[in-house]
C-alpha atoms as a PDB file:
ATOM      1  CA  UNK A   1       0.021   0.009  -0.067  1.00  0.00           C
ATOM      2  CA  UNK A   2       1.532   3.295  -1.093  1.00  0.00           C
ATOM      3  CA  UNK A   3       1.458   5.936   1.823  1.00  0.00           C
ATOM      4  CA  UNK A   4       1.500   9.753   1.360  1.00  0.00           C
ATOM      5  CA  UNK A   5       4.588  11.881   2.043  1.00  0.00           C
ATOM      6  CA  UNK A   6       3.374  13.043   5.368  1.00  0.00           C
ATOM      7  CA  UNK A   7       2.571   9.403   6.699  1.00  0.00           C
ATOM      8  CA  UNK A   8       6.066   8.392   5.559  1.00  0.00           C
ATOM      9  CA  UNK A   9       7.639  11.254   7.321  1.00  0.00           C
ATOM     10  CA  UNK A  10       5.726  10.521  10.542  1.00  0.00           C
ATOM     11  CA  UNK A  11       6.664   6.898  10.386  1.00  0.00           C
ATOM     12  CA  UNK A  12      10.396   7.787  10.376  1.00  0.00           C
ATOM     13  CA  UNK A  13      10.037   9.080  14.024  1.00  0.00           C
ATOM     14  CA  UNK A  14       8.255   6.053  15.356  1.00  0.00           C
ATOM     15  CA  UNK A  15      10.137   2.994  16.351  1.00  0.00           C
ATOM     16  CA  UNK A  16       7.914   0.037  15.160  1.00  0.00           C
ATOM     17  CA  UNK A  17       9.527  -2.279  17.789  1.00  0.00           C
ATOM     18  CA  UNK A  18       9.417  -0.199  20.806  1.00  0.00           C
ATOM     19  CA  UNK A  19       6.686  -0.447  23.508  1.00  0.00           C
ATOM     20  CA  UNK A  20       6.206   3.306  24.446  1.00  0.00           C
ATOM     21  CA  UNK A  21       5.155   4.575  27.838  1.00  0.00           C
ATOM     22  CA  UNK A  22       1.676   6.088  27.679  1.00  0.00           C
ATOM     23  CA  UNK A  23       3.065   9.704  28.074  1.00  0.00           C
ATOM     24  CA  UNK A  24       5.669   9.044  25.390  1.00  0.00           C
ATOM     25  CA  UNK A  25       3.099   7.741  22.987  1.00  0.00           C
ATOM     26  CA  UNK A  26       0.771  10.713  23.380  1.00  0.00           C
ATOM     27  CA  UNK A  27       3.699  12.958  22.981  1.00  0.00           C
ATOM     28  CA  UNK A  28       4.532  11.239  19.643  1.00  0.00           C
ATOM     29  CA  UNK A  29       1.026  10.945  18.334  1.00  0.00           C
ATOM     30  CA  UNK A  30       0.823  14.675  18.402  1.00  0.00           C
ATOM     31  CA  UNK A  31       4.104  14.968  16.483  1.00  0.00           C
ATOM     32  CA  UNK A  32       2.698  12.504  13.950  1.00  0.00           C
ATOM     33  CA  UNK A  33      -0.637  14.299  13.417  1.00  0.00           C
ATOM     34  CA  UNK A  34       0.378  16.412  10.343  1.00  0.00           C
ATOM     35  CA  UNK A  35      -2.884  16.997   8.610  1.00  0.00           C
ATOM     36  CA  UNK A  36      -4.432  20.278   8.116  1.00  0.00           C
ATOM     37  CA  UNK A  37      -7.407  19.453  10.366  1.00  0.00           C
ATOM     38  CA  UNK A  38      -7.417  18.577  14.121  1.00  0.00           C
ATOM     39  CA  UNK A  39      -6.896  14.905  13.950  1.00  0.00           C
ATOM     40  CA  UNK A  40      -8.772  12.389  16.297  1.00  0.00           C
ATOM     41  CA  UNK A  41      -6.461  10.218  18.380  1.00  0.00           C
ATOM     42  CA  UNK A  42      -7.725   6.727  18.578  1.00  0.00           C
ATOM     43  CA  UNK A  43      -6.720   3.614  20.728  1.00  0.00           C
ATOM     44  CA  UNK A  44      -6.899   0.209  19.320  1.00  0.00           C
ATOM     45  CA  UNK A  45      -6.775  -2.624  22.047  1.00  0.00           C
ATOM     46  CA  UNK A  46      -6.425  -6.255  21.162  1.00  0.00           C
ATOM     47  CA  UNK A  47      -7.747  -8.474  24.110  1.00  0.00           C
ATOM     48  CA  UNK A  48      -6.984 -12.117  24.924  1.00  0.00           C
ATOM     49  CA  UNK A  49     -10.611 -13.098  24.753  1.00  0.00           C
ATOM     50  CA  UNK A  50     -12.844 -14.799  22.091  1.00  0.00           C
ATOM     51  CA  UNK A  51     -15.796 -12.687  21.043  1.00  0.00           C
ATOM     52  CA  UNK A  52     -17.624 -15.737  19.702  1.00  0.00           C
ATOM     53  CA  UNK A  53     -18.259 -16.738  23.299  1.00  0.00           C
ATOM     54  CA  UNK A  54     -20.947 -14.815  25.255  1.00  0.00           C
ATOM     55  CA  UNK A  55     -19.198 -15.127  28.497  1.00  0.00           C
ATOM     56  CA  UNK A  56     -16.097 -13.531  27.008  1.00  0.00           C
ATOM     57  CA  UNK A  57     -17.796 -10.399  25.614  1.00  0.00           C
ATOM     58  CA  UNK A  58     -16.259  -6.976  26.685  1.00  0.00           C
ATOM     59  CA  UNK A  59     -18.676  -4.047  26.248  1.00  0.00           C
ATOM     60  CA  UNK A  60     -19.648  -0.925  28.507  1.00  0.00           C
ATOM     61  CA  UNK A  61     -19.374   2.698  28.452  1.00  0.00           C
ATOM     62  CA  UNK A  62     -17.085   5.322  30.157  1.00  0.00           C
ATOM     63  CA  UNK A  63     -16.989   9.165  30.478  1.00  0.00           C
ATOM     64  CA  UNK A  64     -13.661  10.516  29.330  1.00  0.00           C
ATOM     65  CA  UNK A  65     -12.577  13.454  31.784  1.00  0.00           C
ATOM     66  CA  UNK A  66     -11.823  15.891  28.900  1.00  0.00           C
ATOM     67  CA  UNK A  67     -14.410  14.447  26.353  1.00  0.00           C
ATOM     68  CA  UNK A  68     -13.562  13.563  22.629  1.00  0.00           C
ATOM     69  CA  UNK A  69     -13.346  16.954  21.272  1.00  0.00           C
ATOM     70  CA  UNK A  70     -16.192  16.035  18.903  1.00  0.00           C
ATOM     71  CA  UNK A  71     -19.803  17.490  18.877  1.00  0.00           C
ATOM     72  CA  UNK A  72     -22.124  14.564  19.350  1.00  0.00           C
ATOM     73  CA  UNK A  73     -25.509  14.415  17.949  1.00  0.00           C
ATOM     74  CA  UNK A  74     -27.973  12.617  19.999  1.00  0.00           C
ATOM     75  CA  UNK A  75     -31.257  10.943  18.778  1.00  0.00           C
ATOM     76  CA  UNK A  76     -33.652   9.958  21.433  1.00  0.00           C
ATOM     77  CA  UNK A  77     -36.695   7.441  21.217  1.00  0.00           C
ATOM     78  CA  UNK A  78     -39.286   8.598  23.831  1.00  0.00           C
ATOM     79  CA  UNK A  79     -42.754   9.628  24.292  1.00  0.00           C
ATOM     80  CA  UNK A  80     -44.512  12.160  26.634  1.00  0.00           C
ATOM     81  CA  UNK A  81     -42.637  13.563  29.456  1.00  0.00           C
ATOM     82  CA  UNK A  82     -39.510  11.642  28.654  1.00  0.00           C
ATOM     83  CA  UNK A  83     -39.598  13.215  25.155  1.00  0.00           C
ATOM     84  CA  UNK A  84     -39.833  16.731  26.788  1.00  0.00           C
ATOM     85  CA  UNK A  85     -37.158  15.708  29.167  1.00  0.00           C
ATOM     86  CA  UNK A  86     -34.826  14.793  26.392  1.00  0.00           C
ATOM     87  CA  UNK A  87     -35.494  18.000  24.505  1.00  0.00           C
ATOM     88  CA  UNK A  88     -34.603  20.059  27.565  1.00  0.00           C
ATOM     89  CA  UNK A  89     -31.506  18.067  28.098  1.00  0.00           C
ATOM     90  CA  UNK A  90     -30.396  19.017  24.521  1.00  0.00           C
ATOM     91  CA  UNK A  91     -31.033  16.056  22.548  1.00  0.00           C
ATOM     92  CA  UNK A  92     -30.775  16.926  18.681  1.00  0.00           C
ATOM     93  CA  UNK A  93     -33.510  14.666  17.611  1.00  0.00           C
ATOM     94  CA  UNK A  94     -36.427  13.228  19.748  1.00  0.00           C
ATOM     95  CA  UNK A  95     -39.449  11.165  18.488  1.00  0.00           C
ATOM     96  CA  UNK A  96     -40.909   7.790  18.173  1.00  0.00           C
ATOM     97  CA  UNK A  97     -42.456   5.744  15.316  1.00  0.00           C
ATOM     98  CA  UNK A  98     -41.861   8.669  12.931  1.00  0.00           C
ATOM     99  CA  UNK A  99     -37.948   8.414  13.310  1.00  0.00           C
ATOM    100  CA  UNK A 100     -38.210   4.704  12.506  1.00  0.00           C
ATOM    101  CA  UNK A 101     -39.890   5.618   9.191  1.00  0.00           C
ATOM    102  CA  UNK A 102     -37.343   8.438   8.394  1.00  0.00           C
ATOM    103  CA  UNK A 103     -34.327   6.047   8.974  1.00  0.00           C
ATOM    104  CA  UNK A 104     -35.771   3.164   7.097  1.00  0.00           C
ATOM    105  CA  UNK A 105     -37.278   5.153   4.206  1.00  0.00           C
ATOM    106  CA  UNK A 106     -34.672   7.934   3.836  1.00  0.00           C
ATOM    107  CA  UNK A 107     -31.564   6.069   4.849  1.00  0.00           C
ATOM    108  CA  UNK A 108     -31.166   8.953   7.330  1.00  0.00           C
ATOM    109  CA  UNK A 109     -28.120   8.662   9.829  1.00  0.00           C
ATOM    110  CA  UNK A 110     -27.531  12.356  10.887  1.00  0.00           C
ATOM    111  CA  UNK A 111     -26.938  11.296  14.324  1.00  0.00           C
ATOM    112  CA  UNK A 112     -24.019   9.728  16.521  1.00  0.00           C
ATOM    113  CA  UNK A 113     -25.746   8.027  19.422  1.00  0.00           C
ATOM    114  CA  UNK A 114     -29.130   6.651  19.964  1.00  0.00           C
ATOM    115  CA  UNK A 115     -30.777   6.556  23.304  1.00  0.00           C
ATOM    116  CA  UNK A 116     -34.109   4.996  24.132  1.00  0.00           C
ATOM    117  CA  UNK A 117     -36.566   4.501  27.089  1.00  0.00           C
ATOM    118  CA  UNK A 118     -37.317   0.891  27.969  1.00  0.00           C
ATOM    119  CA  UNK A 119     -40.837   1.126  26.626  1.00  0.00           C
ATOM    120  CA  UNK A 120     -39.595   2.213  23.283  1.00  0.00           C
ATOM    121  CA  UNK A 121     -37.315  -0.795  22.532  1.00  0.00           C
ATOM    122  CA  UNK A 122     -40.073  -2.671  20.858  1.00  0.00           C
ATOM    123  CA  UNK A 123     -40.119   0.168  18.280  1.00  0.00           C
ATOM    124  CA  UNK A 124     -36.373   0.658  18.028  1.00  0.00           C
ATOM    125  CA  UNK A 125     -35.946  -3.130  17.696  1.00  0.00           C
ATOM    126  CA  UNK A 126     -37.401  -2.760  14.069  1.00  0.00           C
ATOM    127  CA  UNK A 127     -34.145  -0.917  13.265  1.00  0.00           C
ATOM    128  CA  UNK A 128     -31.697  -3.646  14.462  1.00  0.00           C
ATOM    129  CA  UNK A 129     -30.532  -4.521  11.054  1.00  0.00           C
ATOM    130  CA  UNK A 130     -29.548  -0.940  10.253  1.00  0.00           C
ATOM    131  CA  UNK A 131     -28.516   0.329  13.543  1.00  0.00           C
ATOM    132  CA  UNK A 132     -26.707  -2.783  14.916  1.00  0.00           C
ATOM    133  CA  UNK A 133     -23.949  -3.028  12.207  1.00  0.00           C
ATOM    134  CA  UNK A 134     -23.176   0.529  12.773  1.00  0.00           C
ATOM    135  CA  UNK A 135     -22.897   0.262  16.466  1.00  0.00           C
ATOM    136  CA  UNK A 136     -25.839   2.594  17.114  1.00  0.00           C
ATOM    137  CA  UNK A 137     -28.346   0.099  18.704  1.00  0.00           C
ATOM    138  CA  UNK A 138     -29.231   1.414  22.309  1.00  0.00           C
ATOM    139  CA  UNK A 139     -27.952  -1.104  25.091  1.00  0.00           C
ATOM    140  CA  UNK A 140     -28.784  -1.169  28.692  1.00  0.00           C
ATOM    141  CA  UNK A 141     -24.998  -1.850  29.386  1.00  0.00           C
ATOM    142  CA  UNK A 142     -23.898   1.131  27.696  1.00  0.00           C
ATOM    143  CA  UNK A 143     -26.432   3.160  29.564  1.00  0.00           C
ATOM    144  CA  UNK A 144     -28.380   4.032  26.301  1.00  0.00           C
ATOM    145  CA  UNK A 145     -31.621   2.206  27.335  1.00  0.00           C
ATOM    146  CA  UNK A 146     -32.740   4.139  30.380  1.00  0.00           C
ATOM    147  CA  UNK A 147     -35.612   6.158  31.894  1.00  0.00           C
ATOM    148  CA  UNK A 148     -33.156   8.850  32.966  1.00  0.00           C
ATOM    149  CA  UNK A 149     -32.680  10.279  29.596  1.00  0.00           C
ATOM    150  CA  UNK A 150     -31.510  13.644  30.834  1.00  0.00           C
ATOM    151  CA  UNK A 151     -28.552  12.027  32.615  1.00  0.00           C
ATOM    152  CA  UNK A 152     -27.796   9.737  29.556  1.00  0.00           C
ATOM    153  CA  UNK A 153     -27.574  12.804  27.324  1.00  0.00           C
ATOM    154  CA  UNK A 154     -25.490  14.851  29.658  1.00  0.00           C
ATOM    155  CA  UNK A 155     -22.905  12.062  30.003  1.00  0.00           C
ATOM    156  CA  UNK A 156     -22.985  11.544  26.315  1.00  0.00           C
ATOM    157  CA  UNK A 157     -22.483  15.322  25.558  1.00  0.00           C
ATOM    158  CA  UNK A 158     -19.737  15.400  28.293  1.00  0.00           C
ATOM    159  CA  UNK A 159     -17.572  12.903  26.631  1.00  0.00           C
ATOM    160  CA  UNK A 160     -19.178   9.494  27.261  1.00  0.00           C
ATOM    161  CA  UNK A 161     -17.938   6.801  24.624  1.00  0.00           C
ATOM    162  CA  UNK A 162     -19.043   3.189  24.359  1.00  0.00           C
ATOM    163  CA  UNK A 163     -16.514   0.425  24.011  1.00  0.00           C
ATOM    164  CA  UNK A 164     -17.203  -2.982  22.515  1.00  0.00           C
ATOM    165  CA  UNK A 165     -15.113  -5.960  21.112  1.00  0.00           C
ATOM    166  CA  UNK A 166     -15.330  -6.520  17.339  1.00  0.00           C
ATOM    167  CA  UNK A 167     -15.227  -9.776  15.669  1.00  0.00           C
ATOM    168  CA  UNK A 168     -11.329  -9.796  15.631  1.00  0.00           C
ATOM    169  CA  UNK A 169     -11.293  -9.125  19.307  1.00  0.00           C
ATOM    170  CA  UNK A 170     -10.195  -5.624  19.143  1.00  0.00           C
ATOM    171  CA  UNK A 171     -11.851  -2.554  20.838  1.00  0.00           C
ATOM    172  CA  UNK A 172     -11.565   0.781  18.733  1.00  0.00           C
ATOM    173  CA  UNK A 173     -12.158   4.083  20.569  1.00  0.00           C
ATOM    174  CA  UNK A 174     -11.531   7.728  20.191  1.00  0.00           C
ATOM    175  CA  UNK A 175      -9.680   9.288  23.078  1.00  0.00           C
ATOM    176  CA  UNK A 176      -9.602  12.927  22.048  1.00  0.00           C
ATOM    177  CA  UNK A 177      -8.018  15.342  19.607  1.00  0.00           C
ATOM    178  CA  UNK A 178      -4.199  15.973  18.851  1.00  0.00           C
ATOM    179  CA  UNK A 179      -4.772  19.398  20.006  1.00  0.00           C
ATOM    180  CA  UNK A 180      -5.691  18.275  23.469  1.00  0.00           C
ATOM    181  CA  UNK A 181      -1.988  18.129  24.537  1.00  0.00           C
ATOM    182  CA  UNK A 182      -0.245  15.042  26.318  1.00  0.00           C
ATOM    183  CA  UNK A 183      -1.727  15.489  29.806  1.00  0.00           C
ATOM    184  CA  UNK A 184      -5.387  15.345  28.719  1.00  0.00           C
ATOM    185  CA  UNK A 185      -4.821  12.575  26.263  1.00  0.00           C
ATOM    186  CA  UNK A 186      -3.120  10.509  28.879  1.00  0.00           C
ATOM    187  CA  UNK A 187      -5.903  11.164  31.264  1.00  0.00           C
ATOM    188  CA  UNK A 188      -8.637  10.037  28.753  1.00  0.00           C
ATOM    189  CA  UNK A 189      -6.364   6.998  27.684  1.00  0.00           C
ATOM    190  CA  UNK A 190      -5.867   5.819  31.271  1.00  0.00           C
ATOM    191  CA  UNK A 191      -9.619   6.239  31.990  1.00  0.00           C
ATOM    192  CA  UNK A 192     -10.452   4.116  28.931  1.00  0.00           C
ATOM    193  CA  UNK A 193      -8.010   1.498  29.837  1.00  0.00           C
ATOM    194  CA  UNK A 194      -9.097   1.286  33.453  1.00  0.00           C
ATOM    195  CA  UNK A 195     -12.740   0.619  32.439  1.00  0.00           C
ATOM    196  CA  UNK A 196     -11.504  -2.028  29.979  1.00  0.00           C
ATOM    197  CA  UNK A 197      -9.444  -3.821  32.454  1.00  0.00           C
ATOM    198  CA  UNK A 198     -12.282  -3.748  35.048  1.00  0.00           C
ATOM    199  CA  UNK A 199     -14.540  -5.228  32.497  1.00  0.00           C
ATOM    200  CA  UNK A 200     -12.186  -8.326  32.044  1.00  0.00           C
ATOM    201  CA  UNK A 201     -14.593 -11.321  31.721  1.00  0.00           C
ATOM    202  CA  UNK A 202     -14.135 -14.004  34.448  1.00  0.00           C
ATOM    203  CA  UNK A 203     -13.882 -16.608  31.626  1.00  0.00           C
ATOM    204  CA  UNK A 204     -10.876 -14.907  30.093  1.00  0.00           C
ATOM    205  CA  UNK A 205      -7.591 -16.920  30.510  1.00  0.00           C
ATOM    206  CA  UNK A 206      -3.995 -15.908  29.926  1.00  0.00           C
ATOM    207  CA  UNK A 207      -2.741 -12.500  28.945  1.00  0.00           C
ATOM    208  CA  UNK A 208      -5.901 -10.081  28.896  1.00  0.00           C
ATOM    209  CA  UNK A 209      -4.075  -7.074  27.148  1.00  0.00           C
ATOM    210  CA  UNK A 210      -2.475  -8.588  24.067  1.00  0.00           C
ATOM    211  CA  UNK A 211      -1.407  -5.135  22.494  1.00  0.00           C
ATOM    212  CA  UNK A 212      -2.341  -1.608  22.641  1.00  0.00           C
ATOM    213  CA  UNK A 213      -1.860   0.925  19.815  1.00  0.00           C
ATOM    214  CA  UNK A 214      -2.710   4.692  19.541  1.00  0.00           C
ATOM    215  CA  UNK A 215      -2.830   6.571  16.301  1.00  0.00           C
ATOM    216  CA  UNK A 216      -4.048   9.690  14.867  1.00  0.00           C
ATOM    217  CA  UNK A 217      -6.514   9.764  11.971  1.00  0.00           C
ATOM    218  CA  UNK A 218      -3.879  10.069   9.270  1.00  0.00           C
ATOM    219  CA  UNK A 219      -0.833   9.001  11.329  1.00  0.00           C
ATOM    220  CA  UNK A 220       1.058   5.669  11.798  1.00  0.00           C
ATOM    221  CA  UNK A 221       0.398   3.351  14.871  1.00  0.00           C
ATOM    222  CA  UNK A 222       2.355   3.816  18.004  1.00  0.00           C
ATOM    223  CA  UNK A 223       2.690   0.589  20.335  1.00  0.00           C
ATOM    224  CA  UNK A 224       1.917   1.254  24.027  1.00  0.00           C
ATOM    225  CA  UNK A 225       3.502  -1.072  26.791  1.00  0.00           C
ATOM    226  CA  UNK A 226       0.384  -3.063  27.953  1.00  0.00           C
ATOM    227  CA  UNK A 227       2.136  -3.480  31.436  1.00  0.00           C
ATOM    228  CA  UNK A 228       2.055   0.325  31.767  1.00  0.00           C
ATOM    229  CA  UNK A 229      -1.365   1.327  30.770  1.00  0.00           C
ATOM    230  CA  UNK A 230      -3.014   1.146  34.154  1.00  0.00           C
ATOM    231  CA  UNK A 231      -0.278   2.553  36.237  1.00  0.00           C
END
């Protein structure tokens, strides 16, 4: 695969074989973010579990102390007082069956997170095939199926992110923007890693954190020492 000049320049300052300390990695990821826009910094964590087994799933949500730097658009499925509550809490879109029709009929996805009250899950379930693959299906473990829609929206706007294992046993999560600076990126990174470590399934055997890599949107991967991530 042919890489651009900026990527190749960034790759020269990254030691492919070194396992960096978290603070070193965050300093380096900022230096390798050479695009003209404020690149997102992502963490990619490979776990020693098997996602094919229900008792080895790793999924949850965590509020990053400094947010993600991204404006998050929230869609809420609710009726009556809960719908009013969602609107007052700052949700961009609030509704019920009409939102299902809009999503199905217009292939409309102008939102980043979906929250629903439990009584609306029968309606939302009709969207499982389109929301599921995009990671947008509301889930009680992530706090997006709840009667306390105001708190859920506030947490999301404050920087709450969902982490979940993919089919290759890797978790992919944003941890901020390159402009955040080292200290904020390290804080966010450690908060995420602490949540993932606490979520270790009882059925997981052997080494849990197989590899940890951080990267900017357009930059090369930087390996982080798995033994140092929770310190």
